[in-house]
Amino acid sequence: MDTRSETLGSEANMGSGSNGSAAQFKELFDGVDDLIHRIADVQSPEIQKIRAKARVALGAARSAVKDSAAHVGRQARQLASTTDGYVRESPWQVIALATTIGLLAGIAIGRRGAGN
């Protein structure tokens, strides 16, 4: 394995959550791109076809990842806006709900601790 691949692999493993996924996608795309460049000198017609298909697939995959990220971002903003609106319209209901959830969690933790 070359140094570039080792570096990319260690960077991808350092991330967690969505950042880790982004690093893994970047590593995958960079690896495929590197492979396409390494076989650029091969003049076999079949290899040329495979390389062209790989480039098209790589472009489509990059586009899909960007579209998915944009969609998730829009959904998160919409959810935050909806939640903010609800909290502003019904603050006492939200306080009551949060208190109830906290009370139930406290009871559950207390029972679990007492059972030991």
N, C-alpha and C. Protein backbone atom coordinates (compact mmCIF):
# COMPACT_ATOMS: atom_id res chain seq x y z
N MET A 1 0.85 -1.17 0.00
CA MET A 1 0.00 0.00 0.00
C MET A 1 0.89 1.23 0.00
N ASP A 2 0.57 2.22 -0.81
CA ASP A 2 1.42 3.41 -0.87
C ASP A 2 1.10 4.37 0.27
N THR A 3 1.96 5.36 0.46
CA THR A 3 1.82 6.31 1.56
C THR A 3 0.54 7.11 1.44
N ARG A 4 0.17 7.50 0.22
CA ARG A 4 -1.05 8.29 0.01
C ARG A 4 -2.28 7.52 0.48
N SER A 5 -2.36 6.24 0.17
CA SER A 5 -3.50 5.43 0.59
C SER A 5 -3.54 5.28 2.10
N GLU A 6 -2.37 5.11 2.74
CA GLU A 6 -2.32 4.99 4.18
C GLU A 6 -2.78 6.28 4.85
N THR A 7 -2.37 7.41 4.31
CA THR A 7 -2.78 8.70 4.87
C THR A 7 -4.27 8.88 4.74
N LEU A 8 -4.83 8.58 3.57
CA LEU A 8 -6.26 8.73 3.37
C LEU A 8 -7.03 7.82 4.31
N GLY A 9 -6.55 6.60 4.49
CA GLY A 9 -7.23 5.66 5.36
C GLY A 9 -7.24 6.12 6.80
N SER A 10 -6.12 6.67 7.28
CA SER A 10 -6.07 7.12 8.66
C SER A 10 -6.93 8.36 8.86
N GLU A 11 -7.01 9.24 7.87
CA GLU A 11 -7.87 10.42 7.97
C GLU A 11 -9.34 10.01 8.01
N ALA A 12 -9.72 9.03 7.23
CA ALA A 12 -11.12 8.59 7.21
C ALA A 12 -11.50 7.94 8.53
N ASN A 13 -10.59 7.22 9.16
CA ASN A 13 -10.90 6.55 10.41
C ASN A 13 -10.95 7.51 11.58
N MET A 14 -10.36 8.69 11.45
CA MET A 14 -10.37 9.66 12.54
C MET A 14 -11.74 10.29 12.70
N GLY A 15 -12.51 10.44 11.63
CA GLY A 15 -13.80 11.11 11.70
C GLY A 15 -14.83 10.23 12.35
N SER A 16 -15.91 10.88 12.80
CA SER A 16 -17.02 10.11 13.35
C SER A 16 -18.31 10.75 12.86
N GLY A 17 -19.38 9.98 12.86
CA GLY A 17 -20.67 10.50 12.43
C GLY A 17 -20.63 10.90 10.98
N SER A 18 -21.27 12.02 10.67
CA SER A 18 -21.36 12.45 9.29
C SER A 18 -20.00 12.87 8.75
N ASN A 19 -19.12 13.42 9.60
CA ASN A 19 -17.79 13.79 9.15
C ASN A 19 -17.00 12.55 8.76
N GLY A 20 -17.16 11.46 9.52
CA GLY A 20 -16.49 10.21 9.18
C GLY A 20 -17.00 9.66 7.86
N SER A 21 -18.30 9.76 7.63
CA SER A 21 -18.88 9.30 6.38
C SER A 21 -18.37 10.13 5.22
N ALA A 22 -18.30 11.44 5.42
CA ALA A 22 -17.79 12.33 4.37
C ALA A 22 -16.35 11.97 4.04
N ALA A 23 -15.55 11.69 5.07
CA ALA A 23 -14.16 11.31 4.84
C ALA A 23 -14.06 9.98 4.10
N GLN A 24 -14.96 9.05 4.44
CA GLN A 24 -14.95 7.75 3.76
C GLN A 24 -15.35 7.90 2.30
N PHE A 25 -16.36 8.73 2.03
CA PHE A 25 -16.74 8.97 0.63
C PHE A 25 -15.60 9.63 -0.12
N LYS A 26 -14.96 10.61 0.51
CA LYS A 26 -13.85 11.30 -0.13
C LYS A 26 -12.73 10.31 -0.44
N GLU A 27 -12.44 9.43 0.52
CA GLU A 27 -11.40 8.42 0.32
C GLU A 27 -11.77 7.50 -0.85
N LEU A 28 -13.02 7.08 -0.90
CA LEU A 28 -13.47 6.21 -1.98
C LEU A 28 -13.34 6.91 -3.32
N PHE A 29 -13.85 8.14 -3.41
CA PHE A 29 -13.80 8.88 -4.66
C PHE A 29 -12.36 9.15 -5.08
N ASP A 30 -11.52 9.52 -4.12
CA ASP A 30 -10.11 9.77 -4.44
C ASP A 30 -9.42 8.50 -4.91
N GLY A 31 -9.76 7.38 -4.28
CA GLY A 31 -9.17 6.09 -4.68
C GLY A 31 -9.56 5.69 -6.09
N VAL A 32 -10.84 5.86 -6.43
CA VAL A 32 -11.30 5.54 -7.78
C VAL A 32 -10.67 6.49 -8.79
N ASP A 33 -10.62 7.76 -8.44
CA ASP A 33 -10.00 8.75 -9.32
C ASP A 33 -8.52 8.42 -9.55
N ASP A 34 -7.83 8.03 -8.48
CA ASP A 34 -6.42 7.66 -8.59
C ASP A 34 -6.26 6.43 -9.48
N LEU A 35 -7.14 5.47 -9.33
CA LEU A 35 -7.09 4.27 -10.15
C LEU A 35 -7.30 4.61 -11.63
N ILE A 36 -8.25 5.48 -11.89
CA ILE A 36 -8.51 5.90 -13.27
C ILE A 36 -7.26 6.56 -13.87
N HIS A 37 -6.59 7.40 -13.09
CA HIS A 37 -5.37 8.05 -13.58
C HIS A 37 -4.22 7.07 -13.77
N ARG A 38 -4.13 6.07 -12.91
CA ARG A 38 -3.04 5.09 -13.01
C ARG A 38 -3.17 4.22 -14.26
N ILE A 39 -4.40 3.96 -14.68
CA ILE A 39 -4.57 3.10 -15.86
C ILE A 39 -4.76 3.93 -17.13
N ALA A 40 -4.50 5.22 -17.06
CA ALA A 40 -4.67 6.10 -18.22
C ALA A 40 -3.73 5.72 -19.36
N ASP A 41 -2.57 5.18 -19.04
CA ASP A 41 -1.58 4.84 -20.08
C ASP A 41 -1.89 3.52 -20.79
N VAL A 42 -2.78 2.71 -20.23
CA VAL A 42 -3.12 1.44 -20.84
C VAL A 42 -3.98 1.72 -22.08
N GLN A 43 -3.55 1.22 -23.21
CA GLN A 43 -4.20 1.55 -24.48
C GLN A 43 -5.22 0.51 -24.93
N SER A 44 -5.49 -0.49 -24.15
CA SER A 44 -6.47 -1.51 -24.51
C SER A 44 -7.85 -0.86 -24.66
N PRO A 45 -8.55 -1.16 -25.77
CA PRO A 45 -9.89 -0.59 -25.96
C PRO A 45 -10.85 -0.96 -24.83
N GLU A 46 -10.73 -2.17 -24.32
CA GLU A 46 -11.62 -2.60 -23.24
C GLU A 46 -11.34 -1.81 -21.96
N ILE A 47 -10.08 -1.58 -21.67
CA ILE A 47 -9.71 -0.79 -20.49
C ILE A 47 -10.20 0.64 -20.66
N GLN A 48 -10.10 1.17 -21.88
CA GLN A 48 -10.57 2.53 -22.14
C GLN A 48 -12.09 2.65 -21.88
N LYS A 49 -12.85 1.63 -22.29
CA LYS A 49 -14.30 1.62 -22.05
C LYS A 49 -14.60 1.57 -20.56
N ILE A 50 -13.87 0.70 -19.86
CA ILE A 50 -14.08 0.56 -18.42
C ILE A 50 -13.74 1.87 -17.71
N ARG A 51 -12.64 2.50 -18.15
CA ARG A 51 -12.24 3.77 -17.55
C ARG A 51 -13.30 4.86 -17.77
N ALA A 52 -13.85 4.89 -18.97
CA ALA A 52 -14.90 5.88 -19.27
C ALA A 52 -16.14 5.63 -18.41
N LYS A 53 -16.52 4.36 -18.27
CA LYS A 53 -17.68 4.03 -17.43
C LYS A 53 -17.42 4.40 -15.97
N ALA A 54 -16.20 4.16 -15.52
CA ALA A 54 -15.85 4.48 -14.14
C ALA A 54 -15.92 5.99 -13.91
N ARG A 55 -15.47 6.78 -14.88
CA ARG A 55 -15.56 8.24 -14.75
C ARG A 55 -17.01 8.71 -14.66
N VAL A 56 -17.87 8.14 -15.50
CA VAL A 56 -19.28 8.51 -15.48
C VAL A 56 -19.91 8.12 -14.14
N ALA A 57 -19.62 6.91 -13.68
CA ALA A 57 -20.17 6.43 -12.40
C ALA A 57 -19.65 7.28 -11.24
N LEU A 58 -18.38 7.66 -11.30
CA LEU A 58 -17.79 8.48 -10.24
C LEU A 58 -18.46 9.86 -10.20
N GLY A 59 -18.69 10.43 -11.35
CA GLY A 59 -19.39 11.72 -11.41
C GLY A 59 -20.80 11.63 -10.87
N ALA A 60 -21.50 10.56 -11.23
CA ALA A 60 -22.87 10.37 -10.74
C ALA A 60 -22.89 10.16 -9.23
N ALA A 61 -21.92 9.41 -8.72
CA ALA A 61 -21.86 9.16 -7.27
C ALA A 61 -21.57 10.45 -6.51
N ARG A 62 -20.64 11.24 -7.01
CA ARG A 62 -20.33 12.52 -6.35
C ARG A 62 -21.56 13.42 -6.34
N SER A 63 -22.27 13.46 -7.45
CA SER A 63 -23.47 14.29 -7.54
C SER A 63 -24.54 13.80 -6.56
N ALA A 64 -24.70 12.50 -6.46
CA ALA A 64 -25.70 11.93 -5.56
C ALA A 64 -25.37 12.25 -4.10
N VAL A 65 -24.10 12.18 -3.75
CA VAL A 65 -23.70 12.48 -2.38
C VAL A 65 -23.97 13.96 -2.07
N LYS A 66 -23.64 14.84 -3.01
CA LYS A 66 -23.89 16.27 -2.80
C LYS A 66 -25.38 16.55 -2.68
N ASP A 67 -26.18 15.92 -3.55
CA ASP A 67 -27.64 16.11 -3.49
C ASP A 67 -28.21 15.60 -2.17
N SER A 68 -27.73 14.45 -1.71
CA SER A 68 -28.21 13.89 -0.44
C SER A 68 -27.86 14.81 0.72
N ALA A 69 -26.64 15.33 0.72
CA ALA A 69 -26.23 16.24 1.79
C ALA A 69 -27.08 17.50 1.79
N ALA A 70 -27.36 18.03 0.62
CA ALA A 70 -28.19 19.23 0.52
C ALA A 70 -29.61 18.94 1.02
N HIS A 71 -30.14 17.78 0.68
CA HIS A 71 -31.48 17.40 1.09
C HIS A 71 -31.55 17.25 2.62
N VAL A 72 -30.57 16.61 3.20
CA VAL A 72 -30.54 16.44 4.65
C VAL A 72 -30.44 17.81 5.33
N GLY A 73 -29.64 18.70 4.78
CA GLY A 73 -29.52 20.04 5.33
C GLY A 73 -30.84 20.79 5.29
N ARG A 74 -31.56 20.69 4.17
CA ARG A 74 -32.87 21.35 4.05
C ARG A 74 -33.85 20.78 5.08
N GLN A 75 -33.86 19.45 5.23
CA GLN A 75 -34.76 18.83 6.19
C GLN A 75 -34.44 19.26 7.62
N ALA A 76 -33.16 19.35 7.94
CA ALA A 76 -32.76 19.76 9.29
C ALA A 76 -33.19 21.20 9.56
N ARG A 77 -33.01 22.07 8.58
CA ARG A 77 -33.43 23.47 8.76
C ARG A 77 -34.95 23.57 8.91
N GLN A 78 -35.69 22.77 8.13
CA GLN A 78 -37.15 22.79 8.22
C GLN A 78 -37.60 22.26 9.59
N LEU A 79 -36.98 21.20 10.08
CA LEU A 79 -37.31 20.65 11.39
C LEU A 79 -37.01 21.66 12.49
N ALA A 80 -35.87 22.32 12.40
CA ALA A 80 -35.52 23.33 13.40
C ALA A 80 -36.52 24.48 13.38
N SER A 81 -36.93 24.89 12.21
CA SER A 81 -37.89 25.98 12.08
C SER A 81 -39.25 25.59 12.66
N THR A 82 -39.70 24.38 12.37
CA THR A 82 -40.97 23.88 12.89
C THR A 82 -40.93 23.78 14.41
N THR A 83 -39.84 23.24 14.94
CA THR A 83 -39.68 23.11 16.38
C THR A 83 -39.66 24.48 17.04
N ASP A 84 -38.94 25.41 16.46
CA ASP A 84 -38.87 26.77 17.00
C ASP A 84 -40.26 27.41 17.02
N GLY A 85 -41.01 27.23 15.96
CA GLY A 85 -42.37 27.77 15.90
C GLY A 85 -43.26 27.19 16.97
N TYR A 86 -43.16 25.87 17.18
CA TYR A 86 -43.99 25.22 18.19
C TYR A 86 -43.62 25.71 19.59
N VAL A 87 -42.34 25.82 19.86
CA VAL A 87 -41.90 26.26 21.19
C VAL A 87 -42.36 27.69 21.44
N ARG A 88 -42.32 28.53 20.41
CA ARG A 88 -42.75 29.92 20.58
C ARG A 88 -44.27 30.02 20.78
N GLU A 89 -45.03 29.12 20.13
CA GLU A 89 -46.48 29.15 20.26
C GLU A 89 -46.97 28.53 21.56
N SER A 90 -46.28 27.50 22.04
CA SER A 90 -46.75 26.75 23.21
C SER A 90 -45.61 26.51 24.20
N PRO A 91 -45.04 27.55 24.78
CA PRO A 91 -43.88 27.35 25.65
C PRO A 91 -44.21 26.52 26.90
N TRP A 92 -45.40 26.70 27.48
CA TRP A 92 -45.72 25.96 28.69
C TRP A 92 -45.91 24.47 28.43
N GLN A 93 -46.45 24.14 27.28
CA GLN A 93 -46.59 22.71 26.93
C GLN A 93 -45.22 22.07 26.74
N VAL A 94 -44.31 22.81 26.15
CA VAL A 94 -42.95 22.29 25.95
C VAL A 94 -42.26 22.10 27.29
N ILE A 95 -42.44 23.05 28.20
CA ILE A 95 -41.84 22.94 29.54
C ILE A 95 -42.43 21.72 30.26
N ALA A 96 -43.74 21.54 30.17
CA ALA A 96 -44.38 20.39 30.81
C ALA A 96 -43.88 19.08 30.22
N LEU A 97 -43.75 19.02 28.91
CA LEU A 97 -43.25 17.81 28.26
C LEU A 97 -41.82 17.51 28.67
N ALA A 98 -40.97 18.52 28.69
CA ALA A 98 -39.57 18.32 29.07
C ALA A 98 -39.46 17.87 30.53
N THR A 99 -40.29 18.46 31.39
CA THR A 99 -40.29 18.08 32.80
C THR A 99 -40.74 16.64 32.97
N THR A 100 -41.78 16.25 32.25
CA THR A 100 -42.28 14.87 32.33
C THR A 100 -41.22 13.88 31.86
N ILE A 101 -40.57 14.19 30.75
CA ILE A 101 -39.53 13.30 30.24
C ILE A 101 -38.38 13.20 31.24
N GLY A 102 -37.98 14.33 31.81
CA GLY A 102 -36.92 14.32 32.81
C GLY A 102 -37.30 13.51 34.05
N LEU A 103 -38.53 13.65 34.49
CA LEU A 103 -39.01 12.91 35.65
C LEU A 103 -39.01 11.41 35.37
N LEU A 104 -39.53 11.01 34.22
CA LEU A 104 -39.56 9.59 33.85
C LEU A 104 -38.14 9.02 33.73
N ALA A 105 -37.24 9.79 33.15
CA ALA A 105 -35.85 9.33 33.02
C ALA A 105 -35.23 9.18 34.40
N GLY A 106 -35.50 10.14 35.30
CA GLY A 106 -34.97 10.06 36.65
C GLY A 106 -35.49 8.85 37.40
N ILE A 107 -36.78 8.56 37.24
CA ILE A 107 -37.37 7.38 37.89
C ILE A 107 -36.74 6.11 37.35
N ALA A 108 -36.60 6.03 36.03
CA ALA A 108 -36.02 4.83 35.41
C ALA A 108 -34.57 4.63 35.87
N ILE A 109 -33.81 5.69 35.93
CA ILE A 109 -32.41 5.58 36.37
C ILE A 109 -32.34 5.21 37.85
N GLY A 110 -33.24 5.82 38.64
CA GLY A 110 -33.29 5.51 40.07
C GLY A 110 -33.62 4.06 40.34
N ARG A 111 -34.56 3.51 39.60
CA ARG A 111 -34.95 2.10 39.78
C ARG A 111 -33.82 1.18 39.33
N ARG A 112 -33.16 1.55 38.28
CA ARG A 112 -32.06 0.71 37.79
C ARG A 112 -30.92 0.71 38.80
N GLY A 113 -30.66 1.88 39.40
CA GLY A 113 -29.60 1.97 40.40
C GLY A 113 -29.96 1.23 41.70
N ALA A 114 -31.25 1.25 42.06
CA ALA A 114 -31.70 0.60 43.28
C ALA A 114 -31.74 -0.91 43.13
N GLY A 115 -31.87 -1.39 41.90
CA GLY A 115 -31.95 -2.82 41.65
C GLY A 115 -30.61 -3.52 41.78
N ASN A 116 -29.53 -2.80 41.78
CA ASN A 116 -28.19 -3.40 41.86
C ASN A 116 -27.82 -3.74 43.22
